[in-house]
Structure formats: C-alpha cells, structure tokens
C-alpha atoms as a PDB file:
ATOM      1  CA  MET A   1      37.671 -20.220  -4.346  1.00  0.00           C
ATOM      2  CA  LEU A   2      35.414 -18.462  -6.857  1.00  0.00           C
ATOM      3  CA  ALA A   3      32.361 -19.545  -4.854  1.00  0.00           C
ATOM      4  CA  ILE A   4      33.902 -18.192  -1.651  1.00  0.00           C
ATOM      5  CA  LEU A   5      34.821 -14.870  -3.255  1.00  0.00           C
ATOM      6  CA  SER A   6      31.341 -14.518  -4.742  1.00  0.00           C
ATOM      7  CA  ALA A   7      29.646 -15.387  -1.444  1.00  0.00           C
ATOM      8  CA  GLY A   8      31.978 -13.041   0.417  1.00  0.00           C
ATOM      9  CA  ILE A   9      31.457 -10.065  -1.875  1.00  0.00           C
ATOM     10  CA  ALA A  10      27.754 -10.405  -2.777  1.00  0.00           C
ATOM     11  CA  PRO A  11      26.178  -9.272   0.534  1.00  0.00           C
ATOM     12  CA  GLY A  12      28.332  -6.165   0.744  1.00  0.00           C
ATOM     13  CA  LEU A  13      27.682  -5.288  -2.891  1.00  0.00           C
ATOM     14  CA  ALA A  14      23.922  -5.749  -2.483  1.00  0.00           C
ATOM     15  CA  LEU A  15      23.754  -3.620   0.673  1.00  0.00           C
ATOM     16  CA  MET A  16      26.012  -0.944  -0.819  1.00  0.00           C
ATOM     17  CA  SER A  17      23.786  -0.739  -3.901  1.00  0.00           C
ATOM     18  CA  TYR A  18      20.655  -0.478  -1.763  1.00  0.00           C
ATOM     19  CA  PHE A  19      21.863   2.443   0.332  1.00  0.00           C
ATOM     20  CA  TYR A  20      23.595   4.130  -2.617  1.00  0.00           C
ATOM     21  CA  LEU A  21      20.377   4.113  -4.671  1.00  0.00           C
ATOM     22  CA  LYS A  22      18.479   5.642  -1.745  1.00  0.00           C
ATOM     23  CA  ASP A  23      20.309   8.917  -2.481  1.00  0.00           C
ATOM     24  CA  GLN A  24      17.402  10.680  -4.161  1.00  0.00           C
ATOM     25  CA  TYR A  25      19.040  13.952  -5.192  1.00  0.00           C
ATOM     26  CA  ASP A  26      22.660  13.926  -6.302  1.00  0.00           C
ATOM     27  CA  THR A  27      24.219  10.463  -6.376  1.00  0.00           C
ATOM     28  CA  GLU A  28      27.812  10.380  -5.225  1.00  0.00           C
ATOM     29  CA  PRO A  29      30.699   9.789  -7.655  1.00  0.00           C
ATOM     30  CA  ILE A  30      31.447   6.082  -7.894  1.00  0.00           C
ATOM     31  CA  SER A  31      35.175   6.795  -7.675  1.00  0.00           C
ATOM     32  CA  LEU A  32      34.872   8.413  -4.225  1.00  0.00           C
ATOM     33  CA  VAL A  33      32.505   5.737  -2.952  1.00  0.00           C
ATOM     34  CA  PHE A  34      34.895   3.047  -4.209  1.00  0.00           C
ATOM     35  CA  ARG A  35      37.840   4.818  -2.586  1.00  0.00           C
ATOM     36  CA  SER A  36      35.979   4.861   0.726  1.00  0.00           C
ATOM     37  CA  PHE A  37      35.168   1.166   0.294  1.00  0.00           C
ATOM     38  CA  ILE A  38      38.820   0.301  -0.368  1.00  0.00           C
ATOM     39  CA  ALA A  39      39.963   2.395   2.590  1.00  0.00           C
ATOM     40  CA  GLY A  40      37.591   0.429   4.811  1.00  0.00           C
ATOM     41  CA  ALA A  41      38.820  -2.841   3.313  1.00  0.00           C
ATOM     42  CA  LEU A  42      42.449  -2.002   4.068  1.00  0.00           C
ATOM     43  CA  LEU A  43      41.567  -1.386   7.711  1.00  0.00           C
ATOM     44  CA  VAL A  44      41.033  -5.102   8.273  1.00  0.00           C
ATOM     45  CA  PHE A  45      44.714  -5.993   8.382  1.00  0.00           C
ATOM     46  CA  PRO A  46      46.049  -3.493  10.963  1.00  0.00           C
ATOM     47  CA  ILE A  47      42.957  -4.041  13.135  1.00  0.00           C
ATOM     48  CA  MET A  48      43.384  -7.825  12.989  1.00  0.00           C
ATOM     49  CA  PHE A  49      47.023  -7.413  14.020  1.00  0.00           C
ATOM     50  CA  ILE A  50      46.143  -5.192  16.985  1.00  0.00           C
ATOM     51  CA  GLN A  51      43.377  -7.554  18.059  1.00  0.00           C
ATOM     52  CA  TYR A  52      45.764 -10.515  17.796  1.00  0.00           C
ATOM     53  CA  VAL A  53      48.286  -8.758  20.035  1.00  0.00           C
ATOM     54  CA  LEU A  54      45.607  -7.843  22.597  1.00  0.00           C
ATOM     55  CA  GLN A  55      44.348 -11.413  22.635  1.00  0.00           C
ATOM     56  CA  THR A  56      47.836 -12.938  22.854  1.00  0.00           C
ATOM     57  CA  GLU A  57      48.780 -10.649  25.726  1.00  0.00           C
ATOM     58  CA  ASN A  58      45.446 -11.422  27.412  1.00  0.00           C
ATOM     59  CA  VAL A  59      44.802  -7.703  27.920  1.00  0.00           C
ATOM     60  CA  PHE A  60      41.046  -8.112  28.369  1.00  0.00           C
ATOM     61  CA  THR A  61      39.981 -11.027  30.543  1.00  0.00           C
ATOM     62  CA  TYR A  62      36.244 -10.352  30.516  1.00  0.00           C
ATOM     63  CA  ASN A  63      33.996 -10.717  27.461  1.00  0.00           C
ATOM     64  CA  ILE A  64      32.313  -7.369  28.028  1.00  0.00           C
ATOM     65  CA  TRP A  65      35.611  -5.452  27.893  1.00  0.00           C
ATOM     66  CA  GLN A  66      36.841  -7.430  24.922  1.00  0.00           C
ATOM     67  CA  SER A  67      33.585  -6.728  23.078  1.00  0.00           C
ATOM     68  CA  LEU A  68      33.620  -3.017  23.895  1.00  0.00           C
ATOM     69  CA  LEU A  69      37.305  -2.160  23.575  1.00  0.00           C
ATOM     70  CA  SER A  70      39.154  -4.788  21.548  1.00  0.00           C
ATOM     71  CA  THR A  71      36.427  -5.120  18.934  1.00  0.00           C
ATOM     72  CA  SER A  72      33.830  -2.352  18.976  1.00  0.00           C
ATOM     73  CA  LEU A  73      35.886   0.712  19.885  1.00  0.00           C
ATOM     74  CA  LEU A  74      38.873  -0.343  17.801  1.00  0.00           C
ATOM     75  CA  GLU A  75      36.868  -1.039  14.650  1.00  0.00           C
ATOM     76  CA  GLU A  76      34.454   1.871  14.912  1.00  0.00           C
ATOM     77  CA  PHE A  77      37.175   4.394  15.742  1.00  0.00           C
ATOM     78  CA  PHE A  78      39.274   3.452  12.717  1.00  0.00           C
ATOM     79  CA  LYS A  79      36.205   3.511  10.450  1.00  0.00           C
ATOM     80  CA  TRP A  80      35.276   6.916  11.914  1.00  0.00           C
ATOM     81  CA  PHE A  81      38.818   8.181  11.341  1.00  0.00           C
ATOM     82  CA  ILE A  82      38.896   6.982   7.723  1.00  0.00           C
ATOM     83  CA  LEU A  83      35.441   8.395   7.019  1.00  0.00           C
ATOM     84  CA  PHE A  84      36.425  11.792   8.390  1.00  0.00           C
ATOM     85  CA  PHE A  85      39.580  12.076   6.305  1.00  0.00           C
ATOM     86  CA  THR A  86      38.469  10.432   3.041  1.00  0.00           C
ATOM     87  CA  ALA A  87      34.951  11.749   2.557  1.00  0.00           C
ATOM     88  CA  VAL A  88      33.585  14.318   4.987  1.00  0.00           C
ATOM     89  CA  LYS A  89      35.875  17.135   3.876  1.00  0.00           C
ATOM     90  CA  HIS A  90      35.378  16.332   0.181  1.00  0.00           C
ATOM     91  CA  ALA A  91      33.440  18.804  -1.967  1.00  0.00           C
ATOM     92  CA  ASP A  92      31.102  16.045  -3.189  1.00  0.00           C
ATOM     93  CA  PHE A  93      29.864  15.557   0.363  1.00  0.00           C
ATOM     94  CA  ASP A  94      27.237  18.234  -0.195  1.00  0.00           C
ATOM     95  CA  GLU A  95      24.070  16.990   1.518  1.00  0.00           C
ATOM     96  CA  PRO A  96      23.281  15.165   4.789  1.00  0.00           C
ATOM     97  CA  TYR A  97      22.415  11.817   3.152  1.00  0.00           C
ATOM     98  CA  ASP A  98      25.920  11.610   1.676  1.00  0.00           C
ATOM     99  CA  GLY A  99      27.194  10.715   5.135  1.00  0.00           C
ATOM    100  CA  ILE A 100      25.227   7.469   4.974  1.00  0.00           C
ATOM    101  CA  VAL A 101      26.600   6.596   1.530  1.00  0.00           C
ATOM    102  CA  TYR A 102      30.218   7.032   2.627  1.00  0.00           C
ATOM    103  CA  GLY A 103      29.660   5.559   6.088  1.00  0.00           C
ATOM    104  CA  VAL A 104      28.201   2.420   4.535  1.00  0.00           C
ATOM    105  CA  ALA A 105      31.018   2.280   1.957  1.00  0.00           C
ATOM    106  CA  VAL A 106      33.750   2.329   4.617  1.00  0.00           C
ATOM    107  CA  SER A 107      31.925  -0.164   6.837  1.00  0.00           C
ATOM    108  CA  LEU A 108      31.133  -2.569   4.017  1.00  0.00           C
ATOM    109  CA  GLY A 109      34.691  -2.410   2.715  1.00  0.00           C
ATOM    110  CA  PHE A 110      35.804  -3.608   6.127  1.00  0.00           C
ATOM    111  CA  ALA A 111      33.004  -6.177   6.435  1.00  0.00           C
ATOM    112  CA  THR A 112      33.565  -7.613   2.939  1.00  0.00           C
ATOM    113  CA  VAL A 113      37.260  -8.380   3.422  1.00  0.00           C
ATOM    114  CA  GLU A 114      36.556  -9.738   6.908  1.00  0.00           C
ATOM    115  CA  ASN A 115      33.797 -11.902   5.434  1.00  0.00           C
ATOM    116  CA  ILE A 116      36.016 -13.299   2.674  1.00  0.00           C
ATOM    117  CA  LEU A 117      38.757 -14.176   5.153  1.00  0.00           C
ATOM    118  CA  TYR A 118      36.259 -15.914   7.421  1.00  0.00           C
ATOM    119  CA  LEU A 119      34.767 -17.956   4.572  1.00  0.00           C
ATOM    120  CA  VAL A 120      38.220 -18.947   3.324  1.00  0.00           C
ATOM    121  CA  ALA A 121      39.077 -20.228   6.806  1.00  0.00           C
ATOM    122  CA  ASN A 122      35.749 -21.860   7.681  1.00  0.00           C
ATOM    123  CA  GLY A 123      33.894 -22.674   4.477  1.00  0.00           C
ATOM    124  CA  VAL A 124      31.210 -21.257   2.218  1.00  0.00           C
ATOM    125  CA  GLU A 125      28.437 -22.961   4.211  1.00  0.00           C
ATOM    126  CA  TYR A 126      28.624 -20.033   6.665  1.00  0.00           C
ATOM    127  CA  ALA A 127      27.894 -17.469   3.962  1.00  0.00           C
ATOM    128  CA  ILE A 128      24.181 -16.956   4.726  1.00  0.00           C
ATOM    129  CA  GLY A 129      24.719 -16.525   8.448  1.00  0.00           C
ATOM    130  CA  ARG A 130      27.587 -14.117   7.807  1.00  0.00           C
ATOM    131  CA  ALA A 131      25.449 -12.068   5.426  1.00  0.00           C
ATOM    132  CA  LEU A 132      22.565 -11.827   7.890  1.00  0.00           C
ATOM    133  CA  LEU A 133      24.662 -10.949  10.926  1.00  0.00           C
ATOM    134  CA  PRO A 134      28.204  -9.489  10.611  1.00  0.00           C
ATOM    135  CA  VAL A 135      27.897  -7.948   7.146  1.00  0.00           C
ATOM    136  CA  SER A 136      24.433  -6.498   7.776  1.00  0.00           C
ATOM    137  CA  SER A 137      25.386  -5.194  11.205  1.00  0.00           C
ATOM    138  CA  HIS A 138      28.485  -3.449   9.860  1.00  0.00           C
ATOM    139  CA  ALA A 139      26.364  -1.826   7.150  1.00  0.00           C
ATOM    140  CA  LEU A 140      23.897  -0.577   9.762  1.00  0.00           C
ATOM    141  CA  PHE A 141      26.661   0.720  12.022  1.00  0.00           C
ATOM    142  CA  GLY A 142      27.895   2.589   8.931  1.00  0.00           C
ATOM    143  CA  VAL A 143      24.410   4.014   8.321  1.00  0.00           C
ATOM    144  CA  ILE A 144      24.226   5.344  11.875  1.00  0.00           C
ATOM    145  CA  MET A 145      27.778   6.705  11.823  1.00  0.00           C
ATOM    146  CA  GLY A 146      27.177   8.358   8.452  1.00  0.00           C
ATOM    147  CA  TYR A 147      23.860   9.818   9.549  1.00  0.00           C
ATOM    148  CA  TYR A 148      25.498  11.698  12.406  1.00  0.00           C
ATOM    149  CA  PHE A 149      28.408  12.694  10.172  1.00  0.00           C
ATOM    150  CA  GLY A 150      25.879  14.231   7.794  1.00  0.00           C
ATOM    151  CA  LYS A 151      24.319  16.200  10.637  1.00  0.00           C
ATOM    152  CA  GLY A 152      27.790  17.126  11.866  1.00  0.00           C
ATOM    153  CA  LYS A 153      28.681  18.734   8.560  1.00  0.00           C
ATOM    154  CA  PHE A 154      25.487  20.676   7.960  1.00  0.00           C
ATOM    155  CA  ILE A 155      23.693  21.138  11.286  1.00  0.00           C
ATOM    156  CA  VAL A 156      24.926  23.003  14.363  1.00  0.00           C
ATOM    157  CA  PRO A 157      26.175  22.270  16.960  1.00  0.00           C
ATOM    158  CA  LYS A 158      28.480  20.262  14.721  1.00  0.00           C
ATOM    159  CA  GLY A 159      30.750  18.911  17.444  1.00  0.00           C
ATOM    160  CA  LYS A 160      27.827  17.235  19.202  1.00  0.00           C
ATOM    161  CA  TRP A 161      26.866  15.212  16.125  1.00  0.00           C
ATOM    162  CA  LEU A 162      30.461  14.198  15.404  1.00  0.00           C
ATOM    163  CA  VAL A 163      30.695  12.795  18.944  1.00  0.00           C
ATOM    164  CA  TYR A 164      27.461  10.884  18.361  1.00  0.00           C
ATOM    165  CA  SER A 165      28.833   9.558  15.060  1.00  0.00           C
ATOM    166  CA  LEU A 166      31.416   7.571  17.011  1.00  0.00           C
ATOM    167  CA  LEU A 167      29.624   7.006  20.311  1.00  0.00           C
ATOM    168  CA  VAL A 168      26.368   5.490  19.023  1.00  0.00           C
ATOM    169  CA  PRO A 169      27.917   2.919  16.615  1.00  0.00           C
ATOM    170  CA  PHE A 170      30.487   2.052  19.289  1.00  0.00           C
ATOM    171  CA  VAL A 171      27.803   1.241  21.866  1.00  0.00           C
ATOM    172  CA  LEU A 172      25.615  -0.693  19.412  1.00  0.00           C
ATOM    173  CA  HIS A 173      28.592  -2.642  18.076  1.00  0.00           C
ATOM    174  CA  GLY A 174      29.694  -3.457  21.620  1.00  0.00           C
ATOM    175  CA  VAL A 175      26.240  -4.781  22.524  1.00  0.00           C
ATOM    176  CA  TYR A 176      26.156  -6.840  19.315  1.00  0.00           C
ATOM    177  CA  ASP A 177      29.560  -8.414  19.975  1.00  0.00           C
ATOM    178  CA  TYR A 178      28.762  -9.104  23.603  1.00  0.00           C
ATOM    179  CA  ILE A 179      25.569 -10.950  22.620  1.00  0.00           C
ATOM    180  CA  LEU A 180      27.622 -13.178  20.315  1.00  0.00           C
ATOM    181  CA  THR A 181      29.887 -14.163  23.226  1.00  0.00           C
ATOM    182  CA  LEU A 182      26.956 -15.595  25.183  1.00  0.00           C
ATOM    183  CA  LYS A 183      27.115 -19.376  25.212  1.00  0.00           C
ATOM    184  CA  GLU A 184      23.396 -19.899  25.731  1.00  0.00           C
ATOM    185  CA  ASN A 185      20.401 -18.210  24.109  1.00  0.00           C
ATOM    186  CA  TRP A 186      22.562 -15.857  21.989  1.00  0.00           C
ATOM    187  CA  LEU A 187      20.379 -16.504  18.949  1.00  0.00           C
ATOM    188  CA  ILE A 188      17.224 -15.660  20.889  1.00  0.00           C
ATOM    189  CA  ILE A 189      18.765 -12.333  21.916  1.00  0.00           C
ATOM    190  CA  ILE A 190      20.535 -11.410  18.664  1.00  0.00           C
ATOM    191  CA  THR A 191      17.382 -11.842  16.541  1.00  0.00           C
ATOM    192  CA  PRO A 192      15.356  -8.997  18.106  1.00  0.00           C
ATOM    193  CA  PHE A 193      18.531  -6.930  18.346  1.00  0.00           C
ATOM    194  CA  MET A 194      19.068  -7.235  14.575  1.00  0.00           C
ATOM    195  CA  PHE A 195      15.445  -6.252  13.954  1.00  0.00           C
ATOM    196  CA  PHE A 196      16.055  -3.224  16.184  1.00  0.00           C
ATOM    197  CA  LEU A 197      19.233  -2.353  14.224  1.00  0.00           C
ATOM    198  CA  TRP A 198      17.369  -2.516  10.925  1.00  0.00           C
ATOM    199  CA  TRP A 199      14.520  -0.419  12.307  1.00  0.00           C
ATOM    200  CA  LEU A 200      16.962   2.181  13.629  1.00  0.00           C
ATOM    201  CA  GLY A 201      19.067   2.166  10.450  1.00  0.00           C
ATOM    202  CA  LEU A 202      16.088   2.612   8.128  1.00  0.00           C
ATOM    203  CA  LYS A 203      14.738   5.326  10.396  1.00  0.00           C
ATOM    204  CA  LYS A 204      18.056   7.171  10.044  1.00  0.00           C
ATOM    205  CA  VAL A 205      17.917   6.719   6.261  1.00  0.00           C
ATOM    206  CA  LYS A 206      14.465   8.310   6.166  1.00  0.00           C
ATOM    207  CA  SER A 207      15.555  11.148   8.432  1.00  0.00           C
ATOM    208  CA  ALA A 208      18.710  11.797   6.371  1.00  0.00           C
ATOM    209  CA  ARG A 209      16.661  11.964   3.171  1.00  0.00           C
ATOM    210  CA  GLU A 210      14.359  14.513   4.799  1.00  0.00           C
ATOM    211  CA  LEU A 211      17.368  16.550   5.957  1.00  0.00           C
ATOM    212  CA  SER A 212      18.777  16.460   2.422  1.00  0.00           C
ATOM    213  CA  HIS A 213      15.450  17.711   1.084  1.00  0.00           C
ATOM    214  CA  LEU A 214      15.460  20.614   3.553  1.00  0.00           C
ATOM    215  CA  HIS A 215      19.088  21.333   2.669  1.00  0.00           C
ATOM    216  CA  LEU A 216      18.179  21.394  -1.023  1.00  0.00           C
ATOM    217  CA  GLN A 217      15.260  23.749  -0.407  1.00  0.00           C
ATOM    218  CA  SER A 218      17.538  26.037   1.585  1.00  0.00           C
ATOM    219  CA  ARG A 219      20.058  26.154  -1.260  1.00  0.00           C
ATOM    220  CA  ILE A 220      17.294  26.896  -3.753  1.00  0.00           C
ATOM    221  CA  GLU A 221      16.009  29.775  -1.654  1.00  0.00           C
ATOM    222  CA  SER A 222      19.484  31.210  -1.097  1.00  0.00           C
ATOM    223  CA  THR A 223      20.609  30.977  -4.736  1.00  0.00           C
ATOM    224  CA  GLY A 224      17.325  31.445  -6.571  1.00  0.00           C
ATOM    225  CA  THR A 225      17.958  28.415  -8.782  1.00  0.00           C
ATOM    226  CA  ARG A 226      15.447  25.752  -9.766  1.00  0.00           C
ATOM    227  CA  GLU A 227      15.445  22.359  -8.057  1.00  0.00           C
ATOM    228  CA  GLY A 228      16.451  20.629 -11.279  1.00  0.00           C
ATOM    229  CA  ASP A 229      19.476  22.904 -11.688  1.00  0.00           C
ATOM    230  CA  ILE A 230      20.858  22.973  -8.166  1.00  0.00           C
ATOM    231  CA  TYR A 231      23.211  20.023  -8.731  1.00  0.00           C
ATOM    232  CA  HIS A 232      24.174  20.829 -12.312  1.00  0.00           C
END
C-alpha cells in the first residue's frame, strides 16, 4: 500500500512543485495552494458518483458524448467552480500567473486522488502510464484554465477570459478522453496530442509570466515603489 500511495502521489507533487516554482515574483502561500489542492481532491467522490449514475442509466450511448459531457464537462466545470470560489477572489491572487498555480493545484488534487484509487484497483505497474497521461493531462488542463482565470481577473474584457477558462480545457479534455476510447491506434494519436498539450501549456506559462511582469511594472509606476518592495 505504501508503494501505491507513493506512486499515486509522486507525479502530482512533482508537477505541482514545477509550476509553483515557476512563479517568479511573489510565490503563493502554501496554505492556500494546499487548500485548493484538497478542494480538488474532494471533488473526485461526487463526480465519480454522478458518472456512475450516468453510466448505470446509460444516459450517453455514444463515446463522443460520454467523453464530452459525462467526463470532460463534468470534471472541468466542477474544477472551474472550485477554482473561482476558493482562489480567484482571494487577496493573494494578485498577479496573472497566480491563476496557473491555483488551477494546477485544483486539477492535481483531483488527479492525485483519482490516480491513487486507480492504482489501488489495478496495481502499481500502471503508475508510469498514469503519470504520463492522466496526471499530466489534468495538470495541463489546470494550467490552461488558470491562465485564462489570470487574464479574467486582471485584463478586460474579463467575462471573455472567464468563458475561455472553462471552454478551452473542456474541449481539450473531451478530445483527450475521446482518443482514449478508440480501440485501435489510440496510442499513435494520443502521443502527438500530449506533445501538443505540453507545448500549449508551457506557452501559457511563458505568457502568464510575461503578463505578471507587465502587471508588476504597472503597479510600480502607479505606486512609485521599487520592484523589490512591491510585494513586501
């Protein structure tokens, strides 16, 4: 059991650390990041129940609708909802890159519990594949959601970016899940798709860091403080 817990937690912890340390100006309080992570983790159980009911009642008979609605929309909407009410309105969310930190925290909380449950049911031998696909993809969906949340808080028109913060991860997640339902050649298709996700996610990280730099410069100009003092 210790091996399963370690294998289940390690990918999420590594990815969370990577994106957290990319915050080059004012790192977020660990307590708020952890709270976002736990909130995402707790989402697993109600979502699993809803998905079980939908599957039992055979609500979606086609893979495409199941991928888009039962999995992608359900998971991304609840993560979006939690992110909005646990982090976005918080005073420590004070620069665009913070959206990525909290978006990744919520997504990886969800992905980590889901990963542990899967490994308990199926065995630790699936740990590497789970780390490379579901855990990584959830982290990248969180990056993209958080990126648009960051723009939605600091850049007008705010409503437009908040719509994107749900719409873009929803579509990408739906495509990802649909690829996994393919019986033939799914690995051939999912490999370039994951490379695309990483390219897009890292591009959003770079863009968010640039937006945070511009936001910092704007605050310096408006307050007359030095760069080293703006967050102290």
